[in-house]
Amino acid sequence: MRHAIRIVVLAATAALGLAGAANAFSLTSSSFKEAGPIGRQYAGDQAGNANCLGKNVSPALSWSDVPDGTKSFALEMVDLEGRNGTGVNHFVAYGIPANVMGFAEGELSKPSPKYVGGKSTQGLATFMGPCPPAGTGAHHYSFVLIATDLEPAVLPPGLTREELMAKLVDGNHAKLAAGLTGLFAHP
């Protein structure tokens, strides 16, 4: 009888674990859908760059089901096909407090006390929208949110993506990541 009860308890526990898996840490946007097109208003507007045809409005981003023990988040946006496949880091931010659960449209396009600005490939501490060269097809823009066990103010401003990743790896500070990818092509 005890063996039968144990099997029922184990089966129920497994079922609850599977049900809990549906509530995985996730990153979403009301500005575009996963694997969908990113609107032109979100493209960069860098002066003198003919590939930047937008208004440089950062898309709205939100997240849910944050891992236990999260103290801050890091956020990046990378053009995976940029620079002939070597990638372009369009946005690097970290020190986002654990109580922040998203950013409104346009909020990442300017400095904010809600994040510490890193340093993008373009040398910027704020969002820089897509600017793919004409004739290169659709580029995949990957937004990655990383839950960390670091206090929000521990890292200095101006870290590149590579420097940030080294800090997260050193000491095993990354807890879990959530991603979202949108597509943008030069018209």
N, C-alpha and C. Protein backbone atom coordinates (compact mmCIF):
# COMPACT_ATOMS: atom_id res chain seq x y z
N MET A 1 0.82 -1.20 0.00
CA MET A 1 0.00 0.00 0.00
C MET A 1 0.87 1.27 0.00
N ARG A 2 1.90 1.28 0.85
CA ARG A 2 2.79 2.44 0.88
C ARG A 2 3.45 2.67 -0.47
N HIS A 3 3.81 1.57 -1.15
CA HIS A 3 4.43 1.68 -2.47
C HIS A 3 3.47 2.34 -3.46
N ALA A 4 2.21 1.96 -3.41
CA ALA A 4 1.20 2.54 -4.31
C ALA A 4 1.00 4.02 -4.02
N ILE A 5 0.97 4.39 -2.74
CA ILE A 5 0.81 5.80 -2.38
C ILE A 5 2.02 6.60 -2.86
N ARG A 6 3.21 6.03 -2.69
CA ARG A 6 4.43 6.71 -3.12
C ARG A 6 4.41 6.95 -4.63
N ILE A 7 3.94 5.97 -5.40
CA ILE A 7 3.85 6.12 -6.87
C ILE A 7 2.88 7.24 -7.22
N VAL A 8 1.74 7.30 -6.52
CA VAL A 8 0.76 8.35 -6.78
C VAL A 8 1.36 9.72 -6.45
N VAL A 9 2.06 9.84 -5.32
CA VAL A 9 2.69 11.11 -4.92
C VAL A 9 3.75 11.51 -5.95
N LEU A 10 4.58 10.57 -6.38
CA LEU A 10 5.60 10.87 -7.38
C LEU A 10 4.97 11.30 -8.70
N ALA A 11 3.91 10.64 -9.11
CA ALA A 11 3.22 11.00 -10.36
C ALA A 11 2.62 12.40 -10.25
N ALA A 12 2.01 12.71 -9.10
CA ALA A 12 1.43 14.04 -8.91
C ALA A 12 2.51 15.10 -8.89
N THR A 13 3.62 14.81 -8.25
CA THR A 13 4.74 15.76 -8.21
C THR A 13 5.27 16.00 -9.62
N ALA A 14 5.42 14.94 -10.39
CA ALA A 14 5.90 15.09 -11.78
C ALA A 14 4.91 15.91 -12.59
N ALA A 15 3.64 15.68 -12.41
CA ALA A 15 2.62 16.43 -13.16
C ALA A 15 2.67 17.91 -12.79
N LEU A 16 2.85 18.20 -11.49
CA LEU A 16 2.96 19.59 -11.07
C LEU A 16 4.21 20.24 -11.65
N GLY A 17 5.30 19.49 -11.72
CA GLY A 17 6.53 20.01 -12.31
C GLY A 17 6.34 20.35 -13.77
N LEU A 18 5.62 19.51 -14.50
CA LEU A 18 5.35 19.80 -15.90
C LEU A 18 4.43 21.00 -16.04
N ALA A 19 3.45 21.11 -15.16
CA ALA A 19 2.55 22.26 -15.22
C ALA A 19 3.32 23.54 -14.93
N GLY A 20 4.28 23.47 -13.98
CA GLY A 20 5.09 24.63 -13.66
C GLY A 20 5.98 25.05 -14.82
N ALA A 21 6.35 24.08 -15.67
CA ALA A 21 7.24 24.39 -16.80
C ALA A 21 6.57 25.34 -17.78
N ALA A 22 5.23 25.39 -17.78
CA ALA A 22 4.50 26.28 -18.68
C ALA A 22 4.72 27.74 -18.28
N ASN A 23 5.11 27.97 -17.03
CA ASN A 23 5.35 29.32 -16.52
C ASN A 23 6.84 29.63 -16.51
N ALA A 24 7.49 29.40 -17.60
CA ALA A 24 8.93 29.64 -17.70
C ALA A 24 9.22 31.13 -17.84
N PHE A 25 10.38 31.53 -17.36
CA PHE A 25 10.87 32.90 -17.51
C PHE A 25 10.75 33.29 -18.98
N SER A 26 10.07 34.39 -19.26
CA SER A 26 9.84 34.76 -20.66
C SER A 26 9.95 36.27 -20.86
N LEU A 27 10.32 36.62 -22.09
CA LEU A 27 10.46 38.00 -22.53
C LEU A 27 9.52 38.20 -23.70
N THR A 28 8.68 39.23 -23.64
CA THR A 28 7.72 39.50 -24.71
C THR A 28 7.72 40.99 -25.05
N SER A 29 7.06 41.31 -26.16
CA SER A 29 6.92 42.70 -26.58
C SER A 29 5.53 42.91 -27.17
N SER A 30 4.94 44.05 -26.84
CA SER A 30 3.67 44.42 -27.48
C SER A 30 3.97 45.16 -28.79
N SER A 31 5.24 45.44 -29.08
CA SER A 31 5.64 46.17 -30.28
C SER A 31 5.86 45.26 -31.48
N PHE A 32 6.22 43.99 -31.23
CA PHE A 32 6.39 43.00 -32.29
C PHE A 32 6.28 41.61 -31.69
N LYS A 33 5.98 40.65 -32.52
CA LYS A 33 5.83 39.26 -32.08
C LYS A 33 7.11 38.47 -32.35
N GLU A 34 7.29 37.38 -31.62
CA GLU A 34 8.44 36.49 -31.82
C GLU A 34 8.54 36.10 -33.29
N ALA A 35 9.73 36.28 -33.87
CA ALA A 35 10.04 35.97 -35.27
C ALA A 35 9.25 36.82 -36.26
N GLY A 36 8.61 37.88 -35.77
CA GLY A 36 7.85 38.77 -36.65
C GLY A 36 8.66 40.00 -37.01
N PRO A 37 8.11 40.80 -37.91
CA PRO A 37 8.82 42.01 -38.33
C PRO A 37 8.85 43.08 -37.24
N ILE A 38 9.96 43.78 -37.16
CA ILE A 38 10.11 44.93 -36.28
C ILE A 38 9.77 46.15 -37.13
N GLY A 39 8.85 46.98 -36.65
CA GLY A 39 8.40 48.15 -37.40
C GLY A 39 9.49 49.18 -37.65
N ARG A 40 9.30 49.94 -38.70
CA ARG A 40 10.31 50.93 -39.11
C ARG A 40 10.59 51.99 -38.05
N GLN A 41 9.59 52.36 -37.24
CA GLN A 41 9.82 53.38 -36.21
C GLN A 41 10.87 52.93 -35.20
N TYR A 42 11.10 51.61 -35.07
CA TYR A 42 12.09 51.09 -34.13
C TYR A 42 13.50 51.05 -34.72
N ALA A 43 13.61 51.30 -36.03
CA ALA A 43 14.93 51.32 -36.68
C ALA A 43 15.71 52.55 -36.22
N GLY A 44 17.02 52.47 -36.33
CA GLY A 44 17.89 53.57 -35.92
C GLY A 44 17.70 54.81 -36.77
N ASP A 45 18.17 55.93 -36.25
CA ASP A 45 18.10 57.21 -36.98
C ASP A 45 19.44 57.93 -36.94
N GLN A 46 20.53 57.18 -36.94
CA GLN A 46 21.87 57.74 -36.83
C GLN A 46 22.19 58.69 -37.98
N ALA A 47 22.54 59.91 -37.65
CA ALA A 47 22.87 60.92 -38.66
C ALA A 47 24.04 60.46 -39.51
N GLY A 48 23.90 60.64 -40.81
CA GLY A 48 24.96 60.29 -41.73
C GLY A 48 25.01 58.83 -42.13
N ASN A 49 24.12 58.02 -41.57
CA ASN A 49 24.09 56.60 -41.92
C ASN A 49 22.85 56.33 -42.76
N ALA A 50 23.03 56.11 -44.05
CA ALA A 50 21.92 55.91 -44.98
C ALA A 50 21.14 54.63 -44.70
N ASN A 51 21.69 53.74 -43.89
CA ASN A 51 20.99 52.49 -43.54
C ASN A 51 20.04 52.66 -42.36
N CYS A 52 20.12 53.78 -41.67
CA CYS A 52 19.28 54.05 -40.50
C CYS A 52 18.11 54.93 -40.92
N LEU A 53 16.96 54.31 -41.11
CA LEU A 53 15.81 55.00 -41.70
C LEU A 53 14.63 55.19 -40.75
N GLY A 54 14.83 54.92 -39.46
CA GLY A 54 13.70 54.95 -38.53
C GLY A 54 13.72 56.15 -37.61
N LYS A 55 13.06 56.00 -36.48
CA LYS A 55 12.95 57.05 -35.47
C LYS A 55 13.69 56.67 -34.18
N ASN A 56 14.30 55.49 -34.16
CA ASN A 56 15.06 54.99 -33.00
C ASN A 56 14.23 54.95 -31.73
N VAL A 57 12.99 54.49 -31.85
CA VAL A 57 12.12 54.28 -30.70
C VAL A 57 12.34 52.85 -30.23
N SER A 58 12.73 52.67 -28.98
CA SER A 58 12.92 51.31 -28.47
C SER A 58 11.55 50.63 -28.32
N PRO A 59 11.47 49.33 -28.64
CA PRO A 59 10.20 48.63 -28.49
C PRO A 59 9.86 48.41 -27.02
N ALA A 60 8.59 48.25 -26.74
CA ALA A 60 8.15 47.89 -25.40
C ALA A 60 8.59 46.45 -25.12
N LEU A 61 9.09 46.21 -23.93
CA LEU A 61 9.52 44.88 -23.51
C LEU A 61 8.96 44.60 -22.12
N SER A 62 8.55 43.36 -21.88
CA SER A 62 8.12 42.96 -20.55
C SER A 62 8.51 41.52 -20.31
N TRP A 63 8.60 41.14 -19.04
CA TRP A 63 8.98 39.78 -18.70
C TRP A 63 8.18 39.29 -17.51
N SER A 64 8.17 37.99 -17.37
CA SER A 64 7.40 37.36 -16.29
C SER A 64 8.08 36.08 -15.83
N ASP A 65 7.58 35.56 -14.70
CA ASP A 65 8.07 34.32 -14.12
C ASP A 65 9.58 34.35 -13.87
N VAL A 66 9.98 35.38 -13.15
CA VAL A 66 11.37 35.62 -12.82
C VAL A 66 11.90 34.52 -11.89
N PRO A 67 13.10 34.02 -12.14
CA PRO A 67 13.66 32.98 -11.27
C PRO A 67 13.85 33.47 -9.83
N ASP A 68 13.63 32.60 -8.87
CA ASP A 68 13.86 32.92 -7.47
C ASP A 68 15.30 33.36 -7.26
N GLY A 69 15.51 34.31 -6.39
CA GLY A 69 16.84 34.78 -6.06
C GLY A 69 17.40 35.83 -7.01
N THR A 70 16.59 36.26 -7.99
CA THR A 70 17.04 37.29 -8.93
C THR A 70 17.17 38.63 -8.20
N LYS A 71 18.32 39.29 -8.38
CA LYS A 71 18.54 40.60 -7.78
C LYS A 71 18.58 41.71 -8.83
N SER A 72 18.94 41.33 -10.07
CA SER A 72 18.97 42.31 -11.16
C SER A 72 18.91 41.58 -12.49
N PHE A 73 18.72 42.36 -13.54
CA PHE A 73 18.68 41.82 -14.90
C PHE A 73 19.71 42.53 -15.76
N ALA A 74 20.14 41.82 -16.80
CA ALA A 74 20.95 42.40 -17.87
C ALA A 74 20.15 42.22 -19.15
N LEU A 75 20.26 43.16 -20.07
CA LEU A 75 19.49 43.12 -21.32
C LEU A 75 20.41 43.50 -22.48
N GLU A 76 20.30 42.77 -23.55
CA GLU A 76 21.09 43.09 -24.74
C GLU A 76 20.23 42.91 -25.99
N MET A 77 20.62 43.61 -27.05
CA MET A 77 20.03 43.43 -28.37
C MET A 77 21.18 43.30 -29.36
N VAL A 78 21.19 42.18 -30.09
CA VAL A 78 22.28 41.88 -31.03
C VAL A 78 21.70 41.61 -32.41
N ASP A 79 22.30 42.20 -33.43
CA ASP A 79 21.99 41.89 -34.84
C ASP A 79 22.89 40.70 -35.19
N LEU A 80 22.29 39.52 -35.27
CA LEU A 80 23.07 38.31 -35.47
C LEU A 80 23.78 38.25 -36.83
N GLU A 81 23.20 38.86 -37.85
CA GLU A 81 23.82 38.86 -39.18
C GLU A 81 24.71 40.08 -39.43
N GLY A 82 24.69 41.02 -38.51
CA GLY A 82 25.47 42.25 -38.67
C GLY A 82 26.95 41.98 -38.84
N ARG A 83 27.60 42.91 -39.53
CA ARG A 83 29.05 42.79 -39.82
C ARG A 83 29.37 41.43 -40.43
N ASN A 84 28.57 41.09 -41.43
CA ASN A 84 28.79 39.85 -42.19
C ASN A 84 28.78 38.59 -41.32
N GLY A 85 27.91 38.60 -40.31
CA GLY A 85 27.75 37.42 -39.46
C GLY A 85 28.54 37.45 -38.18
N THR A 86 29.35 38.45 -37.96
CA THR A 86 30.10 38.53 -36.70
C THR A 86 29.30 39.23 -35.60
N GLY A 87 28.17 39.83 -35.97
CA GLY A 87 27.26 40.43 -35.01
C GLY A 87 27.53 41.89 -34.70
N VAL A 88 26.46 42.60 -34.39
CA VAL A 88 26.52 43.99 -33.96
C VAL A 88 25.70 44.11 -32.68
N ASN A 89 26.33 44.60 -31.63
CA ASN A 89 25.65 44.81 -30.35
C ASN A 89 24.97 46.18 -30.38
N HIS A 90 23.65 46.19 -30.48
CA HIS A 90 22.90 47.44 -30.57
C HIS A 90 22.54 48.03 -29.22
N PHE A 91 22.51 47.19 -28.18
CA PHE A 91 22.13 47.71 -26.87
C PHE A 91 22.66 46.77 -25.80
N VAL A 92 23.26 47.36 -24.77
CA VAL A 92 23.76 46.62 -23.62
C VAL A 92 23.34 47.39 -22.37
N ALA A 93 22.58 46.74 -21.49
CA ALA A 93 22.16 47.37 -20.24
C ALA A 93 22.19 46.32 -19.14
N TYR A 94 22.37 46.77 -17.93
CA TYR A 94 22.42 45.85 -16.79
C TYR A 94 22.10 46.66 -15.54
N GLY A 95 22.15 46.02 -14.38
CA GLY A 95 21.79 46.73 -13.15
C GLY A 95 20.31 47.08 -13.11
N ILE A 96 19.51 46.37 -13.88
CA ILE A 96 18.06 46.59 -13.89
C ILE A 96 17.51 45.91 -12.62
N PRO A 97 16.95 46.67 -11.68
CA PRO A 97 16.49 46.08 -10.42
C PRO A 97 15.45 44.97 -10.64
N ALA A 98 15.45 44.02 -9.73
CA ALA A 98 14.56 42.85 -9.84
C ALA A 98 13.08 43.24 -9.80
N ASN A 99 12.74 44.39 -9.27
CA ASN A 99 11.32 44.80 -9.23
C ASN A 99 10.86 45.45 -10.53
N VAL A 100 11.77 45.69 -11.47
CA VAL A 100 11.40 46.22 -12.79
C VAL A 100 10.98 45.04 -13.65
N MET A 101 9.79 45.11 -14.22
CA MET A 101 9.27 43.99 -15.00
C MET A 101 9.06 44.35 -16.47
N GLY A 102 9.67 45.45 -16.92
CA GLY A 102 9.59 45.80 -18.32
C GLY A 102 9.93 47.26 -18.55
N PHE A 103 9.93 47.61 -19.84
CA PHE A 103 10.19 48.98 -20.26
C PHE A 103 9.13 49.38 -21.27
N ALA A 104 8.63 50.60 -21.15
CA ALA A 104 7.65 51.12 -22.09
C ALA A 104 8.32 51.46 -23.42
N GLU A 105 7.52 51.56 -24.46
CA GLU A 105 8.03 51.94 -25.77
C GLU A 105 8.78 53.28 -25.65
N GLY A 106 9.99 53.33 -26.19
CA GLY A 106 10.80 54.54 -26.17
C GLY A 106 11.63 54.73 -24.91
N GLU A 107 11.38 53.97 -23.87
CA GLU A 107 12.06 54.18 -22.59
C GLU A 107 13.56 53.86 -22.64
N LEU A 108 13.96 52.90 -23.46
CA LEU A 108 15.37 52.53 -23.55
C LEU A 108 16.16 53.41 -24.52
N SER A 109 15.46 54.31 -25.22
CA SER A 109 16.11 55.20 -26.18
C SER A 109 16.79 56.39 -25.50
N LYS A 110 16.64 56.48 -24.20
CA LYS A 110 17.25 57.58 -23.44
C LYS A 110 17.76 57.03 -22.11
N PRO A 111 18.69 57.73 -21.46
CA PRO A 111 19.17 57.27 -20.16
C PRO A 111 18.02 57.17 -19.16
N SER A 112 18.18 56.26 -18.20
CA SER A 112 17.13 56.04 -17.21
C SER A 112 17.75 55.54 -15.91
N PRO A 113 17.17 55.89 -14.78
CA PRO A 113 17.65 55.34 -13.51
C PRO A 113 17.29 53.86 -13.36
N LYS A 114 16.48 53.33 -14.28
CA LYS A 114 16.07 51.92 -14.22
C LYS A 114 17.10 50.97 -14.82
N TYR A 115 18.17 51.48 -15.42
CA TYR A 115 19.22 50.62 -15.94
C TYR A 115 20.56 51.35 -15.99
N VAL A 116 21.62 50.54 -16.02
CA VAL A 116 22.97 51.07 -16.21
C VAL A 116 23.32 50.84 -17.67
N GLY A 117 23.67 51.88 -18.38
CA GLY A 117 24.01 51.75 -19.79
C GLY A 117 25.38 51.16 -19.99
N GLY A 118 25.43 50.16 -20.85
CA GLY A 118 26.71 49.57 -21.24
C GLY A 118 27.26 50.34 -22.42
N LYS A 119 27.95 49.63 -23.30
CA LYS A 119 28.52 50.28 -24.48
C LYS A 119 28.26 49.39 -25.68
N SER A 120 27.45 49.89 -26.61
CA SER A 120 27.13 49.14 -27.82
C SER A 120 28.29 49.19 -28.81
N THR A 121 28.17 48.45 -29.89
CA THR A 121 29.18 48.50 -30.95
C THR A 121 29.35 49.93 -31.44
N GLN A 122 28.26 50.70 -31.45
CA GLN A 122 28.29 52.09 -31.90
C GLN A 122 28.82 53.04 -30.82
N GLY A 123 29.15 52.49 -29.63
CA GLY A 123 29.67 53.32 -28.54
C GLY A 123 28.60 54.00 -27.73
N LEU A 124 27.35 53.56 -27.85
CA LEU A 124 26.22 54.19 -27.17
C LEU A 124 25.84 53.45 -25.89
N ALA A 125 25.29 54.19 -24.92
CA ALA A 125 24.80 53.61 -23.68
C ALA A 125 23.29 53.45 -23.69
N THR A 126 22.65 53.84 -24.79
CA THR A 126 21.20 53.72 -24.93
C THR A 126 20.89 52.90 -26.18
N PHE A 127 19.62 52.59 -26.35
CA PHE A 127 19.15 51.78 -27.47
C PHE A 127 19.51 52.39 -28.82
N MET A 128 19.96 51.54 -29.73
CA MET A 128 20.18 51.93 -31.13
C MET A 128 19.46 50.91 -31.98
N GLY A 129 18.45 51.34 -32.71
CA GLY A 129 17.62 50.43 -33.50
C GLY A 129 18.33 49.85 -34.71
N PRO A 130 17.65 48.92 -35.38
CA PRO A 130 18.22 48.25 -36.56
C PRO A 130 18.62 49.23 -37.66
N CYS A 131 19.76 48.94 -38.29
CA CYS A 131 20.28 49.72 -39.42
C CYS A 131 21.00 48.78 -40.39
N PRO A 132 20.35 47.72 -40.86
CA PRO A 132 21.08 46.80 -41.74
C PRO A 132 21.34 47.42 -43.11
N PRO A 133 22.45 47.08 -43.73
CA PRO A 133 22.74 47.60 -45.06
C PRO A 133 21.71 47.13 -46.09
N ALA A 134 21.45 47.96 -47.07
CA ALA A 134 20.54 47.58 -48.16
C ALA A 134 21.10 46.35 -48.86
N GLY A 135 20.19 45.49 -49.29
CA GLY A 135 20.59 44.31 -50.06
C GLY A 135 21.08 43.14 -49.24
N THR A 136 21.02 43.22 -47.90
CA THR A 136 21.50 42.11 -47.07
C THR A 136 20.37 41.24 -46.53
N GLY A 137 19.14 41.52 -46.94
CA GLY A 137 18.01 40.72 -46.50
C GLY A 137 17.62 41.02 -45.06
N ALA A 138 16.73 40.19 -44.56
CA ALA A 138 16.24 40.36 -43.19
C ALA A 138 17.31 39.94 -42.19
N HIS A 139 17.52 40.77 -41.20
CA HIS A 139 18.44 40.46 -40.11
C HIS A 139 17.62 40.05 -38.89
N HIS A 140 18.16 39.14 -38.09
CA HIS A 140 17.54 38.71 -36.84
C HIS A 140 18.08 39.55 -35.71
N TYR A 141 17.19 40.26 -35.01
CA TYR A 141 17.57 41.07 -33.87
C TYR A 141 17.14 40.33 -32.61
N SER A 142 18.12 39.87 -31.87
CA SER A 142 17.88 39.05 -30.69
C SER A 142 17.96 39.89 -29.43
N PHE A 143 16.87 39.91 -28.68
CA PHE A 143 16.83 40.55 -27.37
C PHE A 143 17.00 39.43 -26.35
N VAL A 144 17.94 39.57 -25.45
CA VAL A 144 18.17 38.55 -24.42
C VAL A 144 18.17 39.24 -23.06
N LEU A 145 17.32 38.73 -22.18
CA LEU A 145 17.23 39.23 -20.81
C LEU A 145 17.82 38.16 -19.90
N ILE A 146 18.78 38.54 -19.08
CA ILE A 146 19.45 37.59 -18.19
C ILE A 146 19.15 37.95 -16.74
N ALA A 147 18.58 37.01 -16.01
CA ALA A 147 18.37 37.18 -14.57
C ALA A 147 19.70 36.90 -13.87
N THR A 148 20.09 37.79 -12.95
CA THR A 148 21.37 37.61 -12.26
C THR A 148 21.18 37.68 -10.74
N ASP A 149 22.22 37.23 -10.03
CA ASP A 149 22.20 37.34 -8.57
C ASP A 149 23.04 38.53 -8.10
N LEU A 150 23.35 39.44 -9.02
CA LEU A 150 24.13 40.63 -8.69
C LEU A 150 23.24 41.78 -8.22
N GLU A 151 23.69 42.51 -7.22
CA GLU A 151 22.97 43.70 -6.80
C GLU A 151 23.00 44.71 -7.96
N PRO A 152 21.95 45.51 -8.15
CA PRO A 152 21.88 46.41 -9.30
C PRO A 152 23.05 47.37 -9.49
N ALA A 153 23.65 47.86 -8.42
CA ALA A 153 24.69 48.89 -8.55
C ALA A 153 26.12 48.33 -8.54
N VAL A 154 26.29 47.04 -8.63
CA VAL A 154 27.63 46.45 -8.47
C VAL A 154 28.53 46.64 -9.69
N LEU A 155 27.97 46.69 -10.90
CA LEU A 155 28.79 46.81 -12.11
C LEU A 155 28.90 48.26 -12.56
N PRO A 156 30.07 48.68 -13.02
CA PRO A 156 30.24 50.07 -13.47
C PRO A 156 29.57 50.31 -14.83
N PRO A 157 29.23 51.54 -15.15
CA PRO A 157 28.67 51.83 -16.47
C PRO A 157 29.72 51.63 -17.56
N GLY A 158 29.23 51.47 -18.79
CA GLY A 158 30.11 51.43 -19.96
C GLY A 158 30.70 50.09 -20.34
N LEU A 159 30.22 48.99 -19.75
CA LEU A 159 30.74 47.68 -20.13
C LEU A 159 30.24 47.29 -21.52
N THR A 160 31.13 46.72 -22.31
CA THR A 160 30.70 46.16 -23.59
C THR A 160 29.97 44.85 -23.32
N ARG A 161 29.33 44.29 -24.34
CA ARG A 161 28.67 43.00 -24.18
C ARG A 161 29.66 41.95 -23.70
N GLU A 162 30.82 41.92 -24.32
CA GLU A 162 31.84 40.92 -23.97
C GLU A 162 32.32 41.09 -22.53
N GLU A 163 32.51 42.32 -22.09
CA GLU A 163 32.91 42.57 -20.70
C GLU A 163 31.81 42.17 -19.72
N LEU A 164 30.56 42.47 -20.08
CA LEU A 164 29.43 42.09 -19.23
C LEU A 164 29.34 40.57 -19.12
N MET A 165 29.45 39.87 -20.24
CA MET A 165 29.35 38.41 -20.21
C MET A 165 30.47 37.81 -19.36
N ALA A 166 31.67 38.38 -19.43
CA ALA A 166 32.79 37.90 -18.61
C ALA A 166 32.48 38.08 -17.12
N LYS A 167 31.88 39.22 -16.76
CA LYS A 167 31.51 39.46 -15.35
C LYS A 167 30.45 38.48 -14.88
N LEU A 168 29.49 38.16 -15.76
CA LEU A 168 28.43 37.22 -15.39
C LEU A 168 28.96 35.80 -15.26
N VAL A 169 29.88 35.43 -16.15
CA VAL A 169 30.45 34.08 -16.11
C VAL A 169 31.36 33.93 -14.89
N ASP A 170 32.17 34.96 -14.63
CA ASP A 170 33.06 34.92 -13.47
C ASP A 170 32.19 34.98 -12.21
N GLY A 171 32.20 33.94 -11.44
CA GLY A 171 31.37 33.89 -10.24
C GLY A 171 30.00 33.29 -10.49
N ASN A 172 29.74 32.86 -11.72
CA ASN A 172 28.48 32.19 -12.06
C ASN A 172 27.26 33.01 -11.61
N HIS A 173 27.21 34.27 -12.06
CA HIS A 173 26.14 35.18 -11.63
C HIS A 173 24.87 35.10 -12.47
N ALA A 174 24.92 34.51 -13.65
CA ALA A 174 23.72 34.38 -14.49
C ALA A 174 22.86 33.24 -13.98
N LYS A 175 21.58 33.51 -13.76
CA LYS A 175 20.65 32.50 -13.26
C LYS A 175 19.87 31.82 -14.38
N LEU A 176 19.34 32.62 -15.29
CA LEU A 176 18.50 32.11 -16.37
C LEU A 176 18.31 33.23 -17.39
N ALA A 177 18.07 32.87 -18.63
CA ALA A 177 17.87 33.87 -19.68
C ALA A 177 16.55 33.63 -20.40
N ALA A 178 16.01 34.70 -20.94
CA ALA A 178 14.81 34.64 -21.78
C ALA A 178 15.11 35.45 -23.04
N GLY A 179 14.64 35.00 -24.18
CA GLY A 179 14.94 35.68 -25.42
C GLY A 179 13.73 35.99 -26.27
N LEU A 180 13.91 36.93 -27.18
CA LEU A 180 12.88 37.35 -28.11
C LEU A 180 13.60 37.83 -29.37
N THR A 181 13.17 37.37 -30.53
CA THR A 181 13.82 37.75 -31.78
C THR A 181 12.82 38.35 -32.75
N GLY A 182 13.21 39.47 -33.36
CA GLY A 182 12.41 40.11 -34.39
C GLY A 182 13.24 40.27 -35.65
N LEU A 183 12.57 40.49 -36.78
CA LEU A 183 13.25 40.61 -38.07
C LEU A 183 13.12 42.04 -38.60
N PHE A 184 14.20 42.52 -39.20
CA PHE A 184 14.15 43.82 -39.85
C PHE A 184 15.04 43.77 -41.09
N ALA A 185 14.51 44.30 -42.21
CA ALA A 185 15.28 44.39 -43.46
C ALA A 185 15.25 45.82 -43.95
N HIS A 186 16.33 46.25 -44.54
CA HIS A 186 16.39 47.56 -45.16
C HIS A 186 15.35 47.56 -46.28
N PRO A 187 14.47 48.59 -46.29
CA PRO A 187 13.41 48.59 -47.34
C PRO A 187 13.96 48.72 -48.75
